[in-house]
Amino acid sequence: MPLDWPPRQAAHLAAFPSEPTAGRTFYRAWRFALADGTTRDGPWWFGSVPDPPDAGGRYDLPAPMGTCYTATRPAGAVLESLQALLTNLPTAELRARRLAVIPTPPDTPPAAKLTARAGAGRYGVTAALWAGVDRQRTQAWAAAFRRDGWWALYGGIHHDPSGRLRGVALFDHAGQHPPTFGGDWSHTTRTLHDDPDLIDELAAFGIHVREPGDLPVADLPVANLPVAELPGTDPPNQQV
């Protein structure tokens, strides 16, 4: 059954199952070095629904509100940041990004737990909310959750087929600033390209991080290669 549109009546989602977020650590990967040579020192950005909506983020809110995307593990944050760069990943893409390690303030409100089993029958939530491609529909759900008092959504990661990683979308006013709820938000910054644990975890998702000069990985069936290119064979009509 496809994901339906969110309920129109106000407060319908107010009692949705929740996930505690206070005292947790979230992660956000962002592009630190821009193509024009400038840098973005801070990780914060709350994006609003663009025109067309499909060009925006999964849970973007209508202006003047916006959404900032984080995750509960570094690999989840990187997968969210990379999006299409998910097979042969040049190390330059990791060098251009930074990872923010974000301890949440003690008064951070809970998030709507999209992965809760009770969300399916009573509210109509399915995995398509974080794994589908209908941006207008998922953005409408985000707006409905915010309408009913929620400041965050806790759900799956689109590029995680295992369904184990979790993302946390934070709501606030649009723009470049830390969240304004829950207390003072701080963060520390880490590089990504020299984190062996992260590289290993990305490899588990089939992402090969390659250094300059490394050839991209190509899974070509041997049957499709010309005979002359098979290891241990000679070109046709060549005598030994």
Protein backbone atom coordinates (compact mmCIF):
# COMPACT_ATOMS: atom_id res chain seq x y z
CA MET A 1 0.00 0.00 0.00
CA PRO A 2 1.53 3.37 -0.97
CA LEU A 3 2.17 6.12 1.53
CA ASP A 4 -0.95 8.26 1.85
CA TRP A 5 -1.06 12.02 2.39
CA PRO A 6 -0.87 13.12 6.04
CA PRO A 7 -4.05 13.74 8.04
CA ARG A 8 -5.51 17.21 7.57
CA GLN A 9 -7.05 17.58 11.00
CA ALA A 10 -4.88 19.47 13.47
CA ALA A 11 -3.44 17.59 16.48
CA HIS A 12 -3.92 14.17 14.84
CA LEU A 13 -0.17 13.52 15.10
CA ALA A 14 0.29 15.14 18.52
CA ALA A 15 0.29 11.77 20.33
CA PHE A 16 2.57 10.04 17.81
CA PRO A 17 5.19 7.70 19.41
CA SER A 18 8.28 9.63 20.48
CA GLU A 19 12.04 9.13 20.65
CA PRO A 20 14.08 10.92 23.36
CA THR A 21 16.71 13.27 21.96
CA ALA A 22 18.02 15.06 25.07
CA GLY A 23 21.53 14.09 26.11
CA ARG A 24 22.23 12.30 22.83
CA THR A 25 24.98 12.82 20.25
CA PHE A 26 24.00 13.63 16.69
CA TYR A 27 26.23 13.98 13.63
CA ARG A 28 26.01 16.16 10.56
CA ALA A 29 28.27 16.03 7.51
CA TRP A 30 28.37 19.22 5.49
CA ARG A 31 30.35 20.63 2.56
CA PHE A 32 33.09 22.67 4.21
CA ALA A 33 35.03 23.67 1.07
CA LEU A 34 32.97 25.17 -1.73
CA ALA A 35 33.83 25.12 -5.43
CA ASP A 36 34.63 28.83 -5.45
CA GLY A 37 37.35 28.38 -2.82
CA THR A 38 35.35 29.70 0.13
CA THR A 39 34.59 27.66 3.23
CA ARG A 40 31.56 27.17 5.44
CA ASP A 41 32.82 26.87 8.99
CA GLY A 42 29.46 26.06 10.57
CA PRO A 43 27.37 22.95 9.92
CA TRP A 44 23.97 24.51 10.44
CA TRP A 45 21.49 25.03 7.64
CA PHE A 46 17.69 24.84 7.83
CA GLY A 47 16.36 24.54 4.31
CA SER A 48 12.86 25.44 3.13
CA VAL A 49 10.80 23.84 0.36
CA PRO A 50 12.18 25.15 -2.96
CA ASP A 51 10.49 25.54 -6.31
CA PRO A 52 10.11 22.86 -7.56
CA PRO A 53 9.60 20.93 -4.29
CA ASP A 54 11.26 17.80 -5.68
CA ALA A 55 14.59 19.68 -5.68
CA GLY A 56 14.45 20.06 -1.90
CA GLY A 57 15.14 17.83 1.07
CA ARG A 58 12.87 15.01 2.17
CA TYR A 59 11.44 16.85 5.18
CA ASP A 60 11.92 20.48 4.13
CA LEU A 61 9.27 22.82 5.55
CA PRO A 62 7.54 25.73 3.83
CA ALA A 63 9.23 29.09 4.42
CA PRO A 64 9.82 30.76 6.79
CA MET A 65 10.48 27.40 8.51
CA GLY A 66 13.23 24.96 7.54
CA THR A 67 14.81 21.60 8.26
CA CYS A 68 18.36 20.53 9.20
CA TYR A 69 19.36 16.90 8.68
CA THR A 70 21.46 14.98 11.23
CA ALA A 71 22.05 11.33 12.09
CA THR A 72 22.76 9.23 15.16
CA ARG A 73 25.99 7.77 13.68
CA PRO A 74 28.72 9.28 11.51
CA ALA A 75 28.07 6.84 8.65
CA GLY A 76 24.42 7.88 8.55
CA ALA A 77 25.38 11.55 8.36
CA VAL A 78 27.83 10.88 5.52
CA LEU A 79 25.33 8.80 3.54
CA GLU A 80 22.81 11.63 3.85
CA SER A 81 25.41 14.15 2.68
CA LEU A 82 26.78 12.17 -0.26
CA GLN A 83 23.42 11.28 -1.81
CA ALA A 84 24.35 10.32 -5.39
CA LEU A 85 28.10 9.78 -4.76
CA LEU A 86 27.62 6.26 -3.50
CA THR A 87 29.76 3.89 -5.57
CA ASN A 88 33.24 5.11 -6.44
CA LEU A 89 33.90 7.97 -4.06
CA PRO A 90 36.92 10.19 -4.69
CA THR A 91 38.65 11.03 -1.43
CA ALA A 92 38.39 14.69 -2.48
CA GLU A 93 34.67 14.49 -1.72
CA LEU A 94 35.43 13.53 1.87
CA ARG A 95 38.19 16.15 2.14
CA ALA A 96 35.70 18.81 1.06
CA ARG A 97 33.37 17.86 3.91
CA ARG A 98 33.51 17.98 7.69
CA LEU A 99 31.65 16.06 10.38
CA ALA A 100 29.99 17.95 13.21
CA VAL A 101 29.70 16.04 16.49
CA ILE A 102 26.68 17.55 18.24
CA PRO A 103 25.78 16.85 21.88
CA THR A 104 22.13 17.72 22.31
CA PRO A 105 21.12 20.09 25.14
CA PRO A 106 19.34 18.62 28.19
CA ASP A 107 16.03 20.29 27.33
CA THR A 108 15.85 19.10 23.73
CA PRO A 109 12.26 17.98 23.03
CA PRO A 110 11.62 14.42 21.81
CA ALA A 111 11.30 13.56 18.13
CA ALA A 112 8.41 11.84 16.41
CA LYS A 113 9.57 8.24 16.06
CA LEU A 114 8.73 7.35 12.47
CA THR A 115 10.10 3.83 12.93
CA ALA A 116 7.63 2.99 15.73
CA ARG A 117 5.41 0.04 14.85
CA ALA A 118 2.33 1.84 16.13
CA GLY A 119 2.83 4.48 13.46
CA ALA A 120 1.69 2.13 10.69
CA GLY A 121 -1.81 1.11 11.70
CA ARG A 122 -3.05 4.16 13.54
CA TYR A 123 -1.31 6.90 11.56
CA GLY A 124 -0.56 5.42 8.15
CA VAL A 125 3.22 5.89 8.28
CA THR A 126 5.29 3.51 6.11
CA ALA A 127 8.99 3.18 5.28
CA ALA A 128 8.28 5.21 2.14
CA LEU A 129 8.39 8.26 4.39
CA TRP A 130 12.20 7.99 4.53
CA ALA A 131 12.87 5.67 1.58
CA GLY A 132 10.41 6.85 -1.07
CA VAL A 133 10.94 9.40 -3.83
CA ASP A 134 7.78 11.52 -3.52
CA ARG A 135 9.28 14.68 -2.02
CA GLN A 136 6.03 16.64 -2.02
CA ARG A 137 4.35 13.94 0.02
CA THR A 138 7.14 13.56 2.57
CA GLN A 139 7.39 17.33 2.89
CA ALA A 140 3.65 17.43 3.55
CA TRP A 141 4.11 14.89 6.35
CA ALA A 142 6.91 16.99 7.85
CA ALA A 143 4.67 20.05 7.80
CA ALA A 144 1.89 18.08 9.49
CA PHE A 145 4.23 16.92 12.26
CA ARG A 146 5.44 20.47 12.83
CA ARG A 147 1.83 21.72 12.80
CA ASP A 148 1.07 19.29 15.61
CA GLY A 149 3.92 20.47 17.82
CA TRP A 150 6.92 18.33 16.89
CA TRP A 151 10.40 19.86 16.57
CA ALA A 152 12.15 16.80 15.10
CA LEU A 153 11.61 13.56 13.17
CA TYR A 154 13.47 10.33 13.96
CA GLY A 155 13.51 7.81 11.12
CA GLY A 156 15.48 5.68 8.70
CA ILE A 157 18.21 6.64 6.24
CA HIS A 158 17.28 6.45 2.56
CA HIS A 159 20.64 5.01 1.44
CA ASP A 160 20.79 2.32 4.15
CA PRO A 161 19.20 -0.87 2.76
CA SER A 162 19.75 -2.63 6.11
CA GLY A 163 17.33 -0.22 7.80
CA ARG A 164 19.56 0.09 10.87
CA LEU A 165 20.88 3.64 10.62
CA ARG A 166 18.79 6.50 11.94
CA GLY A 167 18.46 10.11 10.88
CA VAL A 168 17.08 13.01 12.89
CA ALA A 169 15.57 15.96 11.03
CA LEU A 170 15.44 19.13 13.14
CA PHE A 171 12.86 21.87 12.55
CA ASP A 172 13.42 25.59 13.10
CA HIS A 173 13.33 28.91 11.31
CA ALA A 174 14.99 28.77 7.90
CA GLY A 175 18.58 29.86 7.51
CA GLN A 176 22.10 29.34 8.81
CA HIS A 177 21.97 29.13 12.60
CA PRO A 178 21.99 26.57 15.44
CA PRO A 179 18.63 25.28 16.68
CA THR A 180 16.81 27.77 18.88
CA PHE A 181 15.09 25.21 21.11
CA GLY A 182 16.30 22.98 23.93
CA GLY A 183 19.14 25.20 25.17
CA ASP A 184 22.57 26.06 23.80
CA TRP A 185 23.74 23.87 20.92
CA SER A 186 27.47 23.32 20.52
CA HIS A 187 29.53 21.07 18.28
CA THR A 188 33.05 19.89 17.57
CA THR A 189 34.40 19.30 14.07
CA ARG A 190 36.19 16.27 12.64
CA THR A 191 37.67 15.49 9.25
CA LEU A 192 36.33 12.53 7.29
CA HIS A 193 39.00 11.43 4.83
CA ASP A 194 41.37 10.17 7.54
CA ASP A 195 38.86 8.26 9.68
CA PRO A 196 39.62 4.54 9.11
CA ASP A 197 36.54 3.36 11.01
CA LEU A 198 34.31 5.49 8.83
CA ILE A 199 36.05 4.29 5.65
CA ASP A 200 35.51 0.67 6.74
CA GLU A 201 31.85 1.31 7.49
CA LEU A 202 31.33 2.96 4.11
CA ALA A 203 32.97 -0.06 2.51
CA ALA A 204 30.32 -2.23 4.14
CA PHE A 205 27.78 -0.26 2.12
CA GLY A 206 29.75 -0.92 -1.08
CA ILE A 207 31.28 2.55 -1.22
CA HIS A 208 34.90 2.47 -2.40
CA VAL A 209 36.85 5.55 -1.33
CA ARG A 210 39.61 6.00 -3.88
CA GLU A 211 42.71 8.16 -3.78
CA PRO A 212 43.85 10.25 -6.78
CA GLY A 213 45.08 7.89 -9.47
CA ASP A 214 42.98 4.93 -8.31
CA LEU A 215 40.79 3.54 -11.05
CA PRO A 216 37.08 3.35 -10.28
CA VAL A 217 35.76 -0.06 -9.38
CA ALA A 218 33.89 -1.63 -12.30
CA ASP A 219 32.07 -4.95 -11.92
CA LEU A 220 32.18 -6.15 -15.52
CA PRO A 221 31.31 -9.79 -16.23
CA VAL A 222 34.25 -11.69 -17.71
CA ALA A 223 32.00 -12.89 -20.53
CA ASN A 224 31.69 -9.32 -21.78
CA LEU A 225 35.43 -8.76 -22.15
CA PRO A 226 37.12 -9.32 -25.53
CA VAL A 227 39.16 -12.52 -25.67
CA ALA A 228 42.40 -10.54 -26.00
CA GLU A 229 41.73 -8.82 -22.67
CA LEU A 230 41.18 -11.95 -20.59
CA PRO A 231 44.08 -12.69 -18.23
CA GLY A 232 46.34 -15.43 -19.52
CA THR A 233 45.03 -15.38 -23.11
CA ASP A 234 46.59 -14.30 -26.37
CA PRO A 235 45.03 -12.08 -29.02
CA PRO A 236 43.20 -14.03 -31.75
CA ASN A 237 45.37 -15.62 -34.48
CA GLN A 238 48.59 -15.02 -32.49
CA GLN A 239 50.95 -17.97 -32.29
CA VAL A 240 52.65 -18.83 -29.02
